[in-house]
Amino acid sequence: MKKIEVRGTLFPFIKVKNKSKKLYDSVSKTLFIGKKILYLPTCHSTNDIAAEIVREPLFPEGTVVITDHQTAGRGQRGNQWVTSQGQNFTFSLLLRPSFLLIQEQFLLSQAVALGVRAYLQQYTPETLVKWPNDLYIDTKKVGGILIENAIQGTRIAHSVVGIGLNINQQQFQSSRSTSLGRNTGKIFSLNEELSLLLHWVESYYLRLRAGRYQAIREEYNQYLLGYRQERLFRVDGNTFPGTIEGISDAGKIQIFEANGCTMQEYDVKEVEWVWED
């Protein structure tokens, strides 16, 4: 059995001899994503591990780094991603989208979000994408995506795509969180669901690689939470009503502000969504 050394520790991948833990199998329903799986029972961050091995020839594009227990997971805005051990998906995916220019990098986020949404759509029709890359069922968060790109020249050399998705967890600290199992009343096999999830992510990644940029942008708007609806937002401590009109090619949210009758663009850390409970 081959092993990989990460920070001085040797980890076996694909097959793990642990009778108390189900194994993640190599995915058969895809062309390349999930053909190689590095399973770690516990780790600090799958994105960090993936970033350390992304240049190793042993790990081709499509390699998945997955864990049951992530001790230092990250989300958007520098937030910590917290999940119950062994109940949900916490993994990172190695991609090499060198066909994308730097200014097109948000397309990767859109494609991955749509792939995850399409997977969830099989079980619950109320799934939407909340800008920039969270997944929601109705008004509750079920998952999130964190993409870290490495740039070479004018293009993306490689990407580490971190995906956290609540599957079987039933209890949450936040009333704004949920899981697929909690929403459907079912218990899912993580091994079986991983294959389905990666199938949908690969499907949208292949559409991206085929150059279907405009179709991806339009579908992202179609399933964008709050699209063409008046919502409350906060900028620099000031709350105002606005309507999401779309997403710029650079990935900024475009909001028509009702008070000033103006269209404004905001980056991720510049605007906050205000929920009305």
C-alpha atoms as a PDB file:
ATOM      1  CA  MET A   1       0.000   0.000   0.000  1.00  0.00           C
ATOM      2  CA  LYS A   2       1.412   3.378  -1.009  1.00  0.00           C
ATOM      3  CA  LYS A   3       1.735   6.094   1.598  1.00  0.00           C
ATOM      4  CA  ILE A   4       2.232   9.826   1.489  1.00  0.00           C
ATOM      5  CA  GLU A   5       4.168  11.824   4.043  1.00  0.00           C
ATOM      6  CA  VAL A   6       2.549  15.083   5.164  1.00  0.00           C
ATOM      7  CA  ARG A   7       4.165  17.114   7.909  1.00  0.00           C
ATOM      8  CA  GLY A   8       6.207  14.145   9.029  1.00  0.00           C
ATOM      9  CA  THR A   9       3.272  11.723   9.170  1.00  0.00           C
ATOM     10  CA  LEU A  10       2.727   8.813   6.787  1.00  0.00           C
ATOM     11  CA  PHE A  11      -0.861   8.430   5.627  1.00  0.00           C
ATOM     12  CA  PRO A  12      -2.245   5.481   3.618  1.00  0.00           C
ATOM     13  CA  PHE A  13      -4.726   6.491   0.937  1.00  0.00           C
ATOM     14  CA  ILE A  14      -7.862   4.844  -0.475  1.00  0.00           C
ATOM     15  CA  LYS A  15      -7.701   1.782   1.798  1.00  0.00           C
ATOM     16  CA  VAL A  16      -7.648   2.326   5.542  1.00  0.00           C
ATOM     17  CA  LYS A  17      -7.675  -0.619   7.929  1.00  0.00           C
ATOM     18  CA  ASN A  18     -10.051   0.643  10.564  1.00  0.00           C
ATOM     19  CA  LYS A  19     -12.924  -1.660  11.455  1.00  0.00           C
ATOM     20  CA  SER A  20     -14.875   1.131  13.112  1.00  0.00           C
ATOM     21  CA  LYS A  21     -14.843   3.322  10.013  1.00  0.00           C
ATOM     22  CA  LYS A  22     -16.500   2.895   6.643  1.00  0.00           C
ATOM     23  CA  LEU A  23     -14.097   3.246   3.727  1.00  0.00           C
ATOM     24  CA  TYR A  24     -14.311   5.736   0.905  1.00  0.00           C
ATOM     25  CA  ASP A  25     -13.984   3.894  -2.388  1.00  0.00           C
ATOM     26  CA  SER A  26     -12.512   5.176  -5.608  1.00  0.00           C
ATOM     27  CA  VAL A  27     -15.380   6.700  -7.593  1.00  0.00           C
ATOM     28  CA  SER A  28     -16.485   4.774 -10.689  1.00  0.00           C
ATOM     29  CA  LYS A  29     -19.099   7.223 -12.002  1.00  0.00           C
ATOM     30  CA  THR A  30     -16.621   9.926 -13.047  1.00  0.00           C
ATOM     31  CA  LEU A  31     -13.884  10.380 -15.626  1.00  0.00           C
ATOM     32  CA  PHE A  32     -11.183  11.607 -13.247  1.00  0.00           C
ATOM     33  CA  ILE A  33     -12.560  13.225 -10.088  1.00  0.00           C
ATOM     34  CA  GLY A  34     -12.384  10.863  -7.134  1.00  0.00           C
ATOM     35  CA  LYS A  35     -10.301   8.206  -8.876  1.00  0.00           C
ATOM     36  CA  LYS A  36      -7.715   8.742  -6.151  1.00  0.00           C
ATOM     37  CA  ILE A  37      -8.843   9.362  -2.584  1.00  0.00           C
ATOM     38  CA  LEU A  38      -6.617  10.290   0.348  1.00  0.00           C
ATOM     39  CA  TYR A  39      -8.600   9.467   3.470  1.00  0.00           C
ATOM     40  CA  LEU A  40      -7.429  10.897   6.804  1.00  0.00           C
ATOM     41  CA  PRO A  41      -9.420   9.905   9.910  1.00  0.00           C
ATOM     42  CA  THR A  42      -8.589  13.323  11.357  1.00  0.00           C
ATOM     43  CA  CYS A  43      -6.640  16.356  10.184  1.00  0.00           C
ATOM     44  CA  HIS A  44      -6.367  20.087  10.805  1.00  0.00           C
ATOM     45  CA  SER A  45      -7.573  21.160   7.348  1.00  0.00           C
ATOM     46  CA  THR A  46      -8.122  19.193   4.141  1.00  0.00           C
ATOM     47  CA  ASN A  47      -7.408  22.355   2.145  1.00  0.00           C
ATOM     48  CA  ASP A  48      -4.005  22.678   3.812  1.00  0.00           C
ATOM     49  CA  ILE A  49      -3.173  19.025   3.147  1.00  0.00           C
ATOM     50  CA  ALA A  50      -4.327  19.331  -0.462  1.00  0.00           C
ATOM     51  CA  ALA A  51      -2.220  22.460  -0.966  1.00  0.00           C
ATOM     52  CA  GLU A  52       0.857  20.563   0.243  1.00  0.00           C
ATOM     53  CA  ILE A  53       0.423  17.647  -2.164  1.00  0.00           C
ATOM     54  CA  VAL A  54      -1.004  19.417  -5.221  1.00  0.00           C
ATOM     55  CA  ARG A  55       2.388  19.548  -6.980  1.00  0.00           C
ATOM     56  CA  GLU A  56       3.204  15.895  -6.306  1.00  0.00           C
ATOM     57  CA  PRO A  57       2.893  13.711  -9.449  1.00  0.00           C
ATOM     58  CA  LEU A  58       1.409  10.973  -7.272  1.00  0.00           C
ATOM     59  CA  PHE A  59      -1.754  13.078  -6.952  1.00  0.00           C
ATOM     60  CA  PRO A  60      -3.315  13.911 -10.357  1.00  0.00           C
ATOM     61  CA  GLU A  61      -6.135  16.315 -11.046  1.00  0.00           C
ATOM     62  CA  GLY A  62      -9.297  15.065  -9.407  1.00  0.00           C
ATOM     63  CA  THR A  63      -7.627  13.717  -6.264  1.00  0.00           C
ATOM     64  CA  VAL A  64      -9.851  14.010  -3.179  1.00  0.00           C
ATOM     65  CA  VAL A  65      -8.562  14.607   0.359  1.00  0.00           C
ATOM     66  CA  ILE A  66     -11.304  13.681   2.816  1.00  0.00           C
ATOM     67  CA  THR A  67     -11.574  13.438   6.588  1.00  0.00           C
ATOM     68  CA  ASP A  68     -14.079  12.562   9.284  1.00  0.00           C
ATOM     69  CA  HIS A  69     -12.766  15.122  11.742  1.00  0.00           C
ATOM     70  CA  GLN A  70     -11.362  18.491  10.700  1.00  0.00           C
ATOM     71  CA  THR A  71      -9.937  20.441  13.614  1.00  0.00           C
ATOM     72  CA  ALA A  72      -9.197  23.756  11.891  1.00  0.00           C
ATOM     73  CA  GLY A  73     -11.503  24.025   8.902  1.00  0.00           C
ATOM     74  CA  ARG A  74     -11.947  27.410   7.240  1.00  0.00           C
ATOM     75  CA  GLY A  75     -14.907  29.142   5.669  1.00  0.00           C
ATOM     76  CA  GLN A  76     -15.481  32.452   3.919  1.00  0.00           C
ATOM     77  CA  ARG A  77     -14.530  35.715   5.648  1.00  0.00           C
ATOM     78  CA  GLY A  78     -11.978  33.821   7.750  1.00  0.00           C
ATOM     79  CA  ASN A  79     -14.730  32.022   9.674  1.00  0.00           C
ATOM     80  CA  GLN A  80     -14.164  28.552  11.109  1.00  0.00           C
ATOM     81  CA  TRP A  81     -16.049  25.652   9.551  1.00  0.00           C
ATOM     82  CA  VAL A  82     -17.369  23.445  12.372  1.00  0.00           C
ATOM     83  CA  THR A  83     -18.923  20.047  11.718  1.00  0.00           C
ATOM     84  CA  SER A  84     -19.811  16.944  13.734  1.00  0.00           C
ATOM     85  CA  GLN A  85     -17.326  14.100  13.413  1.00  0.00           C
ATOM     86  CA  GLY A  86     -18.232  11.317  10.984  1.00  0.00           C
ATOM     87  CA  GLN A  87     -21.640  12.706  10.012  1.00  0.00           C
ATOM     88  CA  ASN A  88     -20.919  15.052   7.133  1.00  0.00           C
ATOM     89  CA  PHE A  89     -18.659  15.694   4.165  1.00  0.00           C
ATOM     90  CA  THR A  90     -15.432  17.578   4.735  1.00  0.00           C
ATOM     91  CA  PHE A  91     -13.087  17.222   1.781  1.00  0.00           C
ATOM     92  CA  SER A  92     -10.894  19.053  -0.698  1.00  0.00           C
ATOM     93  CA  LEU A  93     -10.545  18.486  -4.405  1.00  0.00           C
ATOM     94  CA  LEU A  94      -7.432  19.100  -6.524  1.00  0.00           C
ATOM     95  CA  LEU A  95      -8.136  20.793  -9.860  1.00  0.00           C
ATOM     96  CA  ARG A  96      -5.906  22.316 -12.517  1.00  0.00           C
ATOM     97  CA  PRO A  97      -8.113  24.761 -14.469  1.00  0.00           C
ATOM     98  CA  SER A  98      -5.276  26.293 -16.472  1.00  0.00           C
ATOM     99  CA  PHE A  99      -7.826  27.149 -19.166  1.00  0.00           C
ATOM    100  CA  LEU A 100      -9.167  29.931 -16.913  1.00  0.00           C
ATOM    101  CA  LEU A 101      -7.686  33.415 -16.880  1.00  0.00           C
ATOM    102  CA  ILE A 102      -7.235  35.163 -13.541  1.00  0.00           C
ATOM    103  CA  GLN A 103     -10.212  37.431 -14.183  1.00  0.00           C
ATOM    104  CA  GLU A 104     -12.380  34.360 -14.887  1.00  0.00           C
ATOM    105  CA  GLN A 105     -11.681  32.551 -11.613  1.00  0.00           C
ATOM    106  CA  PHE A 106     -15.156  33.135 -10.161  1.00  0.00           C
ATOM    107  CA  LEU A 107     -16.485  30.871 -12.900  1.00  0.00           C
ATOM    108  CA  LEU A 108     -14.864  27.954 -11.094  1.00  0.00           C
ATOM    109  CA  SER A 109     -16.711  28.895  -7.909  1.00  0.00           C
ATOM    110  CA  GLN A 110     -19.969  29.132  -9.836  1.00  0.00           C
ATOM    111  CA  ALA A 111     -19.484  25.764 -11.557  1.00  0.00           C
ATOM    112  CA  VAL A 112     -18.621  23.930  -8.324  1.00  0.00           C
ATOM    113  CA  ALA A 113     -21.543  25.532  -6.462  1.00  0.00           C
ATOM    114  CA  LEU A 114     -23.922  24.495  -9.233  1.00  0.00           C
ATOM    115  CA  GLY A 115     -22.573  20.940  -9.128  1.00  0.00           C
ATOM    116  CA  VAL A 116     -23.159  20.661  -5.382  1.00  0.00           C
ATOM    117  CA  ARG A 117     -26.594  22.249  -5.779  1.00  0.00           C
ATOM    118  CA  ALA A 118     -27.510  19.732  -8.504  1.00  0.00           C
ATOM    119  CA  TYR A 119     -26.549  16.893  -6.164  1.00  0.00           C
ATOM    120  CA  LEU A 120     -28.748  18.273  -3.371  1.00  0.00           C
ATOM    121  CA  GLN A 121     -31.560  18.908  -5.859  1.00  0.00           C
ATOM    122  CA  GLN A 122     -32.026  15.134  -6.189  1.00  0.00           C
ATOM    123  CA  TYR A 123     -33.351  15.065  -2.623  1.00  0.00           C
ATOM    124  CA  THR A 124     -34.762  18.521  -1.958  1.00  0.00           C
ATOM    125  CA  PRO A 125     -36.030  20.994  -4.567  1.00  0.00           C
ATOM    126  CA  GLU A 126     -35.571  24.054  -2.342  1.00  0.00           C
ATOM    127  CA  THR A 127     -31.779  24.195  -2.772  1.00  0.00           C
ATOM    128  CA  LEU A 128     -30.252  27.538  -3.756  1.00  0.00           C
ATOM    129  CA  VAL A 129     -26.797  29.103  -3.916  1.00  0.00           C
ATOM    130  CA  LYS A 130     -26.140  32.048  -1.622  1.00  0.00           C
ATOM    131  CA  TRP A 131     -23.477  34.338  -3.023  1.00  0.00           C
ATOM    132  CA  PRO A 132     -20.636  33.744  -3.230  1.00  0.00           C
ATOM    133  CA  ASN A 133     -20.583  29.974  -2.646  1.00  0.00           C
ATOM    134  CA  ASP A 134     -22.804  28.749   0.178  1.00  0.00           C
ATOM    135  CA  LEU A 135     -25.568  26.186  -0.297  1.00  0.00           C
ATOM    136  CA  TYR A 136     -28.949  26.789   1.302  1.00  0.00           C
ATOM    137  CA  ILE A 137     -32.117  24.759   1.709  1.00  0.00           C
ATOM    138  CA  ASP A 138     -34.827  27.391   1.990  1.00  0.00           C
ATOM    139  CA  THR A 139     -33.257  29.908   4.395  1.00  0.00           C
ATOM    140  CA  LYS A 140     -30.859  27.530   6.165  1.00  0.00           C
ATOM    141  CA  LYS A 141     -27.247  26.833   5.320  1.00  0.00           C
ATOM    142  CA  VAL A 142     -26.417  23.239   4.408  1.00  0.00           C
ATOM    143  CA  GLY A 143     -22.911  23.668   3.051  1.00  0.00           C
ATOM    144  CA  GLY A 144     -20.134  25.904   1.875  1.00  0.00           C
ATOM    145  CA  ILE A 145     -17.244  26.008  -0.581  1.00  0.00           C
ATOM    146  CA  LEU A 146     -13.818  27.557  -0.145  1.00  0.00           C
ATOM    147  CA  ILE A 147     -11.588  27.729  -3.230  1.00  0.00           C
ATOM    148  CA  GLU A 148      -7.919  28.675  -3.024  1.00  0.00           C
ATOM    149  CA  ASN A 149      -6.223  29.323  -6.360  1.00  0.00           C
ATOM    150  CA  ALA A 150      -2.557  29.408  -7.297  1.00  0.00           C
ATOM    151  CA  ILE A 151      -1.761  31.812 -10.145  1.00  0.00           C
ATOM    152  CA  GLN A 152       0.903  31.377 -12.823  1.00  0.00           C
ATOM    153  CA  GLY A 153       1.231  34.253 -15.255  1.00  0.00           C
ATOM    154  CA  THR A 154      -2.240  35.214 -16.413  1.00  0.00           C
ATOM    155  CA  ARG A 155      -3.889  31.880 -15.633  1.00  0.00           C
ATOM    156  CA  ILE A 156      -4.841  29.605 -12.746  1.00  0.00           C
ATOM    157  CA  ALA A 157      -2.162  26.964 -12.239  1.00  0.00           C
ATOM    158  CA  HIS A 158      -4.116  24.851  -9.791  1.00  0.00           C
ATOM    159  CA  SER A 159      -7.019  25.086  -7.371  1.00  0.00           C
ATOM    160  CA  VAL A 160      -7.824  23.513  -4.043  1.00  0.00           C
ATOM    161  CA  VAL A 161     -11.600  23.253  -3.750  1.00  0.00           C
ATOM    162  CA  GLY A 162     -12.772  22.737  -0.168  1.00  0.00           C
ATOM    163  CA  ILE A 163     -16.329  21.481   0.247  1.00  0.00           C
ATOM    164  CA  GLY A 164     -18.178  21.162   3.534  1.00  0.00           C
ATOM    165  CA  LEU A 165     -21.660  19.674   3.322  1.00  0.00           C
ATOM    166  CA  ASN A 166     -23.962  18.723   6.197  1.00  0.00           C
ATOM    167  CA  ILE A 167     -25.385  15.278   5.489  1.00  0.00           C
ATOM    168  CA  ASN A 168     -26.471  13.354   8.597  1.00  0.00           C
ATOM    169  CA  GLN A 169     -25.975  15.851  11.436  1.00  0.00           C
ATOM    170  CA  GLN A 170     -29.186  16.578  13.347  1.00  0.00           C
ATOM    171  CA  GLN A 171     -28.255  19.188  15.959  1.00  0.00           C
ATOM    172  CA  PHE A 172     -26.721  22.614  15.259  1.00  0.00           C
ATOM    173  CA  GLN A 173     -25.694  25.561  17.373  1.00  0.00           C
ATOM    174  CA  SER A 174     -27.167  27.962  14.843  1.00  0.00           C
ATOM    175  CA  SER A 175     -30.846  28.001  13.921  1.00  0.00           C
ATOM    176  CA  ARG A 176     -29.720  29.083  10.466  1.00  0.00           C
ATOM    177  CA  SER A 177     -28.071  25.698   9.764  1.00  0.00           C
ATOM    178  CA  THR A 178     -29.471  22.379   8.573  1.00  0.00           C
ATOM    179  CA  SER A 179     -28.449  19.114   6.921  1.00  0.00           C
ATOM    180  CA  LEU A 180     -29.688  16.986   4.066  1.00  0.00           C
ATOM    181  CA  GLY A 181     -30.706  14.273   6.518  1.00  0.00           C
ATOM    182  CA  ARG A 182     -32.525  16.663   8.807  1.00  0.00           C
ATOM    183  CA  ASN A 183     -34.414  18.130   5.868  1.00  0.00           C
ATOM    184  CA  THR A 184     -35.412  14.811   4.322  1.00  0.00           C
ATOM    185  CA  GLY A 185     -35.732  12.639   7.430  1.00  0.00           C
ATOM    186  CA  LYS A 186     -33.288  10.085   5.973  1.00  0.00           C
ATOM    187  CA  ILE A 187     -29.901   8.690   6.996  1.00  0.00           C
ATOM    188  CA  PHE A 188     -27.404   8.602   4.137  1.00  0.00           C
ATOM    189  CA  SER A 189     -24.380   6.419   3.428  1.00  0.00           C
ATOM    190  CA  LEU A 190     -21.483   8.850   3.073  1.00  0.00           C
ATOM    191  CA  ASN A 191     -19.547   6.447   0.884  1.00  0.00           C
ATOM    192  CA  GLU A 192     -22.407   6.106  -1.603  1.00  0.00           C
ATOM    193  CA  GLU A 193     -23.289   9.799  -1.546  1.00  0.00           C
ATOM    194  CA  LEU A 194     -19.687  10.881  -2.185  1.00  0.00           C
ATOM    195  CA  SER A 195     -19.781   9.113  -5.545  1.00  0.00           C
ATOM    196  CA  LEU A 196     -22.992  10.924  -6.521  1.00  0.00           C
ATOM    197  CA  LEU A 197     -21.748  14.294  -5.320  1.00  0.00           C
ATOM    198  CA  LEU A 198     -18.461  14.045  -7.219  1.00  0.00           C
ATOM    199  CA  HIS A 199     -20.338  12.983 -10.342  1.00  0.00           C
ATOM    200  CA  TRP A 200     -22.302  16.238 -10.320  1.00  0.00           C
ATOM    201  CA  VAL A 201     -19.284  18.395  -9.495  1.00  0.00           C
ATOM    202  CA  GLU A 202     -17.341  16.835 -12.368  1.00  0.00           C
ATOM    203  CA  SER A 203     -20.297  17.319 -14.713  1.00  0.00           C
ATOM    204  CA  TYR A 204     -20.271  21.084 -14.167  1.00  0.00           C
ATOM    205  CA  TYR A 205     -16.479  21.274 -14.200  1.00  0.00           C
ATOM    206  CA  LEU A 206     -16.489  19.613 -17.633  1.00  0.00           C
ATOM    207  CA  ARG A 207     -19.039  22.176 -18.833  1.00  0.00           C
ATOM    208  CA  LEU A 208     -16.681  24.872 -17.616  1.00  0.00           C
ATOM    209  CA  ARG A 209     -13.724  23.247 -19.349  1.00  0.00           C
ATOM    210  CA  ALA A 210     -15.789  23.097 -22.553  1.00  0.00           C
ATOM    211  CA  GLY A 211     -16.142  26.881 -22.467  1.00  0.00           C
ATOM    212  CA  ARG A 212     -19.835  27.123 -21.562  1.00  0.00           C
ATOM    213  CA  TYR A 213     -19.179  30.230 -19.492  1.00  0.00           C
ATOM    214  CA  GLN A 214     -22.351  32.150 -20.249  1.00  0.00           C
ATOM    215  CA  ALA A 215     -24.583  29.155 -19.573  1.00  0.00           C
ATOM    216  CA  ILE A 216     -22.921  28.690 -16.179  1.00  0.00           C
ATOM    217  CA  ARG A 217     -23.369  32.366 -15.299  1.00  0.00           C
ATOM    218  CA  GLU A 218     -27.042  32.272 -16.289  1.00  0.00           C
ATOM    219  CA  GLU A 219     -27.763  29.088 -14.339  1.00  0.00           C
ATOM    220  CA  TYR A 220     -25.989  30.519 -11.298  1.00  0.00           C
ATOM    221  CA  ASN A 221     -28.351  33.507 -11.382  1.00  0.00           C
ATOM    222  CA  GLN A 222     -31.307  31.163 -11.829  1.00  0.00           C
ATOM    223  CA  TYR A 223     -30.526  29.421  -8.541  1.00  0.00           C
ATOM    224  CA  LEU A 224     -29.166  32.444  -6.696  1.00  0.00           C
ATOM    225  CA  LEU A 225     -30.800  33.062  -3.329  1.00  0.00           C
ATOM    226  CA  GLY A 226     -32.500  36.466  -3.339  1.00  0.00           C
ATOM    227  CA  TYR A 227     -32.131  37.048  -7.080  1.00  0.00           C
ATOM    228  CA  ARG A 228     -34.466  39.853  -8.195  1.00  0.00           C
ATOM    229  CA  GLN A 229     -35.962  39.962  -4.683  1.00  0.00           C
ATOM    230  CA  GLU A 230     -35.769  42.871  -2.263  1.00  0.00           C
ATOM    231  CA  ARG A 231     -33.672  41.965   0.791  1.00  0.00           C
ATOM    232  CA  LEU A 232     -31.873  43.779   3.584  1.00  0.00           C
ATOM    233  CA  PHE A 233     -28.120  44.322   3.440  1.00  0.00           C
ATOM    234  CA  ARG A 234     -25.548  46.040   5.644  1.00  0.00           C
ATOM    235  CA  VAL A 235     -22.528  48.031   4.505  1.00  0.00           C
ATOM    236  CA  ASP A 236     -20.250  49.870   6.942  1.00  0.00           C
ATOM    237  CA  GLY A 237     -22.859  49.461   9.693  1.00  0.00           C
ATOM    238  CA  ASN A 238     -25.698  50.917   7.611  1.00  0.00           C
ATOM    239  CA  THR A 239     -28.677  48.682   6.792  1.00  0.00           C
ATOM    240  CA  PHE A 240     -30.596  49.248   3.557  1.00  0.00           C
ATOM    241  CA  PRO A 241     -33.101  47.465   1.289  1.00  0.00           C
ATOM    242  CA  GLY A 242     -31.733  46.278  -2.021  1.00  0.00           C
ATOM    243  CA  THR A 243     -32.344  43.888  -4.886  1.00  0.00           C
ATOM    244  CA  ILE A 244     -29.733  41.461  -6.203  1.00  0.00           C
ATOM    245  CA  GLU A 245     -29.542  42.046  -9.943  1.00  0.00           C
ATOM    246  CA  GLY A 246     -26.716  39.655 -10.729  1.00  0.00           C
ATOM    247  CA  ILE A 247     -23.045  38.837 -10.336  1.00  0.00           C
ATOM    248  CA  SER A 248     -20.278  40.579 -12.258  1.00  0.00           C
ATOM    249  CA  ASP A 249     -17.748  38.556 -14.252  1.00  0.00           C
ATOM    250  CA  ALA A 250     -15.257  39.321 -11.475  1.00  0.00           C
ATOM    251  CA  GLY A 251     -17.568  37.719  -8.917  1.00  0.00           C
ATOM    252  CA  LYS A 252     -18.896  40.867  -7.237  1.00  0.00           C
ATOM    253  CA  ILE A 253     -22.544  41.017  -6.225  1.00  0.00           C
ATOM    254  CA  GLN A 254     -24.614  43.685  -7.991  1.00  0.00           C
ATOM    255  CA  ILE A 255     -27.249  45.246  -5.747  1.00  0.00           C
ATOM    256  CA  PHE A 256     -29.777  47.885  -6.713  1.00  0.00           C
ATOM    257  CA  GLU A 257     -30.168  50.053  -3.629  1.00  0.00           C
ATOM    258  CA  ALA A 258     -33.769  51.183  -3.253  1.00  0.00           C
ATOM    259  CA  ASN A 259     -32.982  54.207  -1.065  1.00  0.00           C
ATOM    260  CA  GLY A 260     -30.513  55.801  -3.426  1.00  0.00           C
ATOM    261  CA  CYS A 261     -31.853  54.324  -6.650  1.00  0.00           C
ATOM    262  CA  THR A 262     -28.315  53.280  -7.601  1.00  0.00           C
ATOM    263  CA  MET A 263     -26.604  50.058  -8.660  1.00  0.00           C
ATOM    264  CA  GLN A 264     -23.588  49.106  -6.574  1.00  0.00           C
ATOM    265  CA  GLU A 265     -21.077  46.268  -6.760  1.00  0.00           C
ATOM    266  CA  TYR A 266     -19.631  44.685  -3.621  1.00  0.00           C
ATOM    267  CA  ASP A 267     -16.894  42.193  -2.911  1.00  0.00           C
ATOM    268  CA  VAL A 268     -17.252  39.381  -0.364  1.00  0.00           C
ATOM    269  CA  LYS A 269     -16.082  41.322   2.686  1.00  0.00           C
ATOM    270  CA  GLU A 270     -17.803  44.572   1.765  1.00  0.00           C
ATOM    271  CA  VAL A 271     -21.464  43.639   2.234  1.00  0.00           C
ATOM    272  CA  GLU A 272     -23.402  41.611   4.778  1.00  0.00           C
ATOM    273  CA  TRP A 273     -26.749  39.889   4.362  1.00  0.00           C
ATOM    274  CA  VAL A 274     -29.292  40.862   7.061  1.00  0.00           C
ATOM    275  CA  TRP A 275     -31.800  38.147   7.889  1.00  0.00           C
ATOM    276  CA  GLU A 276     -35.348  38.969   8.926  1.00  0.00           C
ATOM    277  CA  ASP A 277     -36.407  36.308  11.450  1.00  0.00           C
END
